[in-house]
Amino acid sequence: MADTAMSDSGSVSTPAPGGPAPGARASAVQNAVWRLRSRGCWTDAAALLEHDDSPPAALQRTALLVERCLFTEQGWSDAEDALRAAEALAGTDDERGAAACERGQLAYAATVLGVRDRSDEARVALSRAAALIAPGAAARPLLDYRRGLIAEHLADSPQAARAAYRRAHAGATANGDQLLLSSTWRHLAGLALRDGELAEARHGFAETLRIREELGFLVGTAPALTSLAEAETEPEATRLRAEAARLYRLLGNVPTWLAAQLTRPAPAA
């Protein structure tokens, strides 16, 4: 099965949802944040937002540090501190819902990475987010996606996960959120692979790879390559894993959990 349990979140787009108001300076900051984030430099990206004490900036900083935890299995206390600050600054239902969504993602990451079982906290936080974020809000597709992660990997309910991923996929398409769309493609493909639907899985994984290459999301490209390799035959599968390994080394062995995928022996001919 593809390594979807610990895949990226798609939580910070380009620029991030809820980021600073439009303007030349804001755009420059957001572009710099994206460049750093796409190369796995989450701490540096978050540092660019330290002097902005607005709720949107606090939420974006939290999302970056939560994603760092998911990719590196490090920085848990920094993410918790940023999350508490975002929760304290949140003044609207949308902001409180977004903070709850990040708390759910952080608890999910700690659970699937084996740091500590925080599955109950993850479920409660995402339920709170669902009560606060309106069905048509821009943040709803990300919430649906993360509820799909909970359903698939903590509740072992692929049917519920598929429904949540499809809602997230439709919302990401409507919002033009390409990075989130790459993640929904990947997880829907992972479920298809689980069901033995190789053609559907191959298509979804290929879409994930295409989008991430077009966006320049380097840190998410190696996982996309290894996922596609799961649905391909030899020698293409070996070629894809070799390219993923090259990117993995280039980015300092991130994401950490990809190592097992890259060292998996090729199937017998």
Protein backbone atom coordinates (compact mmCIF):
# COMPACT_ATOMS: atom_id res chain seq x y z
CA MET A 1 0.00 0.00 0.00
CA ALA A 2 1.20 3.52 -0.73
CA ASP A 3 2.62 5.58 2.08
CA THR A 4 -0.47 7.74 2.50
CA ALA A 5 -0.89 7.51 6.26
CA MET A 6 1.88 10.03 6.83
CA SER A 7 1.56 12.10 3.70
CA ASP A 8 1.70 15.85 3.57
CA SER A 9 -1.28 17.91 4.60
CA GLY A 10 -1.65 20.40 1.81
CA SER A 11 -2.28 22.87 4.61
CA VAL A 12 -0.44 25.94 3.34
CA SER A 13 -1.06 26.92 -0.25
CA THR A 14 0.63 29.59 -2.33
CA PRO A 15 -0.03 31.95 -0.63
CA ALA A 16 -1.57 30.29 2.39
CA PRO A 17 -5.31 30.56 3.04
CA GLY A 18 -5.89 33.23 5.63
CA GLY A 19 -2.55 34.90 4.88
CA PRO A 20 -1.86 38.65 5.02
CA ALA A 21 -3.93 41.10 3.05
CA PRO A 22 -2.94 41.57 -0.63
CA GLY A 23 -0.15 44.00 -1.36
CA ALA A 24 3.38 44.11 -2.71
CA ARG A 25 5.03 43.52 0.67
CA ALA A 26 2.58 40.77 1.66
CA SER A 27 3.08 39.07 -1.69
CA ALA A 28 6.85 39.19 -1.29
CA VAL A 29 6.61 37.61 2.16
CA GLN A 30 4.22 34.93 0.96
CA ASN A 31 6.43 34.11 -2.01
CA ALA A 32 9.42 33.76 0.31
CA VAL A 33 7.42 31.57 2.69
CA TRP A 34 6.41 29.33 -0.19
CA ARG A 35 9.95 28.99 -1.54
CA LEU A 36 11.25 27.96 1.87
CA ARG A 37 8.35 25.68 2.67
CA SER A 38 8.49 23.91 -0.68
CA ARG A 39 12.11 22.96 0.04
CA GLY A 40 11.44 21.72 3.55
CA CYS A 41 12.69 24.84 5.39
CA TRP A 42 9.63 25.19 7.62
CA THR A 43 11.40 26.83 10.55
CA ASP A 44 12.84 29.56 8.32
CA ALA A 45 9.48 30.06 6.64
CA ALA A 46 7.73 30.40 10.00
CA ALA A 47 10.37 32.89 11.16
CA LEU A 48 9.31 35.28 8.40
CA LEU A 49 5.92 35.56 10.11
CA GLU A 50 7.17 36.05 13.69
CA HIS A 51 6.70 39.81 13.74
CA ASP A 52 3.14 39.68 12.43
CA ASP A 53 0.84 39.21 15.43
CA SER A 54 -2.39 38.97 13.40
CA PRO A 55 -4.54 35.85 13.75
CA PRO A 56 -4.04 34.83 10.07
CA ALA A 57 -0.25 35.00 10.40
CA ALA A 58 -0.36 33.03 13.65
CA LEU A 59 -2.45 30.34 11.97
CA GLN A 60 -0.14 30.18 8.97
CA ARG A 61 2.91 29.92 11.21
CA THR A 62 1.23 27.10 13.11
CA ALA A 63 0.41 25.25 9.89
CA LEU A 64 4.04 25.43 8.79
CA LEU A 65 5.35 24.07 12.07
CA VAL A 66 2.72 21.32 12.19
CA GLU A 67 3.75 20.26 8.71
CA ARG A 68 7.38 20.24 9.84
CA CYS A 69 6.42 17.70 12.53
CA LEU A 70 4.71 15.51 9.94
CA PHE A 71 7.70 15.51 7.61
CA THR A 72 10.59 15.42 10.09
CA GLU A 73 9.15 13.90 13.30
CA GLN A 74 10.73 16.85 15.12
CA GLY A 75 9.68 20.25 16.45
CA TRP A 76 6.64 19.13 18.43
CA SER A 77 7.07 21.69 21.24
CA ASP A 78 7.52 24.55 18.74
CA ALA A 79 4.32 23.52 16.98
CA GLU A 80 2.43 23.30 20.27
CA ASP A 81 3.63 26.78 21.29
CA ALA A 82 2.62 28.25 17.94
CA LEU A 83 -0.75 26.52 18.14
CA ARG A 84 -1.49 27.87 21.60
CA ALA A 85 -0.61 31.38 20.39
CA ALA A 86 -2.93 31.00 17.40
CA GLU A 87 -5.74 29.72 19.62
CA ALA A 88 -5.29 32.70 21.94
CA LEU A 89 -5.41 35.20 19.07
CA ALA A 90 -8.39 33.65 17.27
CA GLY A 91 -11.35 36.00 17.48
CA THR A 92 -13.86 34.66 14.97
CA ASP A 93 -15.48 31.29 14.40
CA ASP A 94 -13.44 30.85 11.22
CA GLU A 95 -10.19 31.53 13.08
CA ARG A 96 -11.14 29.29 15.99
CA GLY A 97 -12.15 26.58 13.53
CA ALA A 98 -8.87 26.86 11.64
CA ALA A 99 -6.92 26.60 14.90
CA ALA A 100 -8.93 23.52 15.89
CA CYS A 101 -8.19 22.02 12.48
CA GLU A 102 -4.45 22.48 13.08
CA ARG A 103 -4.75 20.94 16.55
CA GLY A 104 -6.44 17.94 14.99
CA GLN A 105 -3.67 17.63 12.41
CA LEU A 106 -0.92 17.87 15.03
CA ALA A 107 -2.60 15.20 17.17
CA TYR A 108 -3.05 13.01 14.08
CA ALA A 109 0.64 13.38 13.18
CA ALA A 110 1.75 12.43 16.68
CA THR A 111 -0.48 9.36 16.53
CA VAL A 112 0.46 7.99 13.10
CA LEU A 113 4.16 8.64 13.68
CA GLY A 114 4.05 6.74 16.96
CA VAL A 115 5.08 9.67 19.16
CA ARG A 116 2.01 9.41 21.39
CA ASP A 117 -1.55 8.21 20.93
CA ARG A 118 -3.55 11.40 20.57
CA SER A 119 -6.29 9.93 18.41
CA ASP A 120 -9.10 11.06 20.72
CA GLU A 121 -7.74 14.60 20.74
CA ALA A 122 -7.54 14.56 16.93
CA ARG A 123 -11.17 13.49 16.58
CA VAL A 124 -12.45 16.02 19.12
CA ALA A 125 -10.47 18.87 17.55
CA LEU A 126 -11.72 18.15 14.03
CA SER A 127 -15.29 17.81 15.31
CA ARG A 128 -14.92 21.23 16.92
CA ALA A 129 -13.55 22.62 13.65
CA ALA A 130 -16.54 21.17 11.78
CA ALA A 131 -18.91 22.96 14.15
CA LEU A 132 -17.13 26.29 13.63
CA ILE A 133 -16.27 26.28 9.92
CA ALA A 134 -19.28 26.83 7.67
CA PRO A 135 -19.93 24.20 4.96
CA GLY A 136 -19.16 26.66 2.16
CA ALA A 137 -16.14 28.28 3.77
CA ALA A 138 -12.75 28.27 2.04
CA ALA A 139 -11.25 26.25 4.90
CA ARG A 140 -13.82 23.46 4.64
CA PRO A 141 -12.05 21.33 1.99
CA LEU A 142 -8.91 21.08 4.14
CA LEU A 143 -11.05 20.04 7.10
CA ASP A 144 -12.80 17.40 4.97
CA TYR A 145 -9.42 16.10 3.82
CA ARG A 146 -8.14 15.78 7.38
CA ARG A 147 -11.31 14.05 8.49
CA GLY A 148 -10.63 11.60 5.70
CA LEU A 149 -7.18 10.93 7.17
CA ILE A 150 -8.75 10.19 10.54
CA ALA A 151 -11.34 7.88 8.97
CA GLU A 152 -8.78 5.96 6.92
CA HIS A 153 -5.82 5.68 9.26
CA LEU A 154 -7.24 5.92 12.77
CA ALA A 155 -10.75 4.50 12.34
CA ASP A 156 -9.90 2.06 9.50
CA SER A 157 -13.03 3.13 7.62
CA PRO A 158 -12.07 3.43 3.95
CA GLN A 159 -15.63 4.14 2.81
CA ALA A 160 -15.94 7.14 5.14
CA ALA A 161 -12.46 8.25 4.13
CA ARG A 162 -13.30 8.07 0.43
CA ALA A 163 -16.42 10.20 0.95
CA ALA A 164 -14.43 12.81 2.89
CA TYR A 165 -11.63 12.87 0.32
CA ARG A 166 -14.15 13.33 -2.47
CA ARG A 167 -15.74 16.30 -0.68
CA ALA A 168 -12.28 17.77 -0.16
CA HIS A 169 -11.39 17.10 -3.80
CA ALA A 170 -14.51 18.90 -5.04
CA GLY A 171 -13.87 21.83 -2.71
CA ALA A 172 -10.20 22.10 -3.68
CA THR A 173 -11.20 22.09 -7.34
CA ALA A 174 -13.79 24.83 -6.77
CA ASN A 175 -11.30 26.93 -4.78
CA GLY A 176 -8.42 26.41 -7.17
CA ASP A 177 -6.29 24.99 -4.35
CA GLN A 178 -3.87 22.96 -6.43
CA LEU A 179 -1.71 21.76 -3.57
CA LEU A 180 -4.64 20.36 -1.63
CA LEU A 181 -5.92 18.86 -4.87
CA SER A 182 -2.62 17.00 -5.25
CA SER A 183 -3.16 15.48 -1.82
CA THR A 184 -6.76 14.45 -2.45
CA TRP A 185 -5.70 12.82 -5.73
CA ARG A 186 -3.02 10.93 -3.84
CA HIS A 187 -5.26 9.63 -1.09
CA LEU A 188 -8.08 8.65 -3.42
CA ALA A 189 -5.48 6.81 -5.49
CA GLY A 190 -4.19 5.10 -2.35
CA LEU A 191 -7.68 3.76 -1.65
CA ALA A 192 -8.00 2.62 -5.26
CA LEU A 193 -4.69 0.78 -4.97
CA ARG A 194 -5.92 -0.82 -1.76
CA ASP A 195 -8.92 -2.13 -3.73
CA GLY A 196 -6.74 -3.42 -6.56
CA GLU A 197 -7.87 -0.74 -9.03
CA LEU A 198 -4.44 -0.22 -10.61
CA ALA A 199 -5.47 2.00 -13.52
CA GLU A 200 -7.39 4.38 -11.24
CA ALA A 201 -4.55 4.41 -8.74
CA ARG A 202 -1.97 5.09 -11.44
CA HIS A 203 -4.01 8.01 -12.78
CA GLY A 204 -4.45 9.61 -9.35
CA PHE A 205 -0.80 9.25 -8.40
CA ALA A 206 0.26 10.64 -11.78
CA GLU A 207 -1.96 13.69 -11.23
CA THR A 208 -0.38 14.22 -7.81
CA LEU A 209 3.09 14.14 -9.32
CA ARG A 210 2.14 16.44 -12.18
CA ILE A 211 0.66 19.08 -9.90
CA ARG A 212 3.55 19.04 -7.45
CA GLU A 213 6.13 19.31 -10.20
CA GLU A 214 4.22 22.23 -11.74
CA LEU A 215 4.01 23.99 -8.36
CA GLY A 216 7.66 23.33 -7.55
CA PHE A 217 6.67 21.58 -4.31
CA LEU A 218 9.95 19.68 -4.02
CA VAL A 219 9.43 18.32 -0.53
CA GLY A 220 6.22 16.62 -1.65
CA THR A 221 7.56 15.32 -4.94
CA ALA A 222 9.54 12.35 -3.61
CA PRO A 223 6.44 10.91 -1.84
CA ALA A 224 4.49 11.41 -5.06
CA LEU A 225 7.12 9.49 -7.02
CA THR A 226 7.15 6.57 -4.58
CA SER A 227 3.35 6.42 -4.57
CA LEU A 228 3.27 6.24 -8.35
CA ALA A 229 5.92 3.52 -8.23
CA GLU A 230 3.51 1.42 -6.15
CA ALA A 231 1.09 1.31 -9.10
CA GLU A 232 3.67 0.88 -11.86
CA THR A 233 5.40 -2.21 -13.23
CA GLU A 234 9.12 -2.71 -13.73
CA PRO A 235 11.36 -1.15 -14.88
CA GLU A 236 9.33 2.06 -14.44
CA ALA A 237 8.77 1.46 -10.72
CA THR A 238 12.52 1.21 -10.09
CA ARG A 239 13.17 4.37 -12.11
CA LEU A 240 10.59 6.31 -10.11
CA ARG A 241 12.04 5.14 -6.79
CA ALA A 242 15.53 6.09 -7.91
CA GLU A 243 14.36 9.61 -8.75
CA ALA A 244 12.55 9.81 -5.40
CA ALA A 245 15.73 8.72 -3.61
CA ARG A 246 17.71 11.45 -5.36
CA LEU A 247 15.26 14.13 -4.21
CA TYR A 248 15.10 12.60 -0.74
CA ARG A 249 18.88 12.93 -0.33
CA LEU A 250 18.87 16.41 -1.87
CA LEU A 251 16.41 17.59 0.78
CA GLY A 252 18.31 16.11 3.71
CA ASN A 253 16.41 12.81 4.04
CA VAL A 254 13.00 14.44 4.35
CA PRO A 255 10.31 13.24 4.79
CA THR A 256 11.85 10.88 7.33
CA TRP A 257 9.15 8.23 6.96
CA LEU A 258 9.89 7.79 3.26
CA ALA A 259 13.08 5.80 3.94
CA ALA A 260 11.25 2.48 4.23
CA GLN A 261 9.57 3.02 0.86
CA LEU A 262 12.85 3.81 -0.84
CA THR A 263 14.64 0.76 0.51
CA ARG A 264 11.87 -1.69 -0.41
CA PRO A 265 13.27 -4.37 -2.77
CA ALA A 266 11.91 -4.56 -6.29
CA PRO A 267 9.33 -7.32 -6.83
CA ALA A 268 10.53 -10.50 -8.48
CA ALA A 269 10.08 -10.64 -12.23
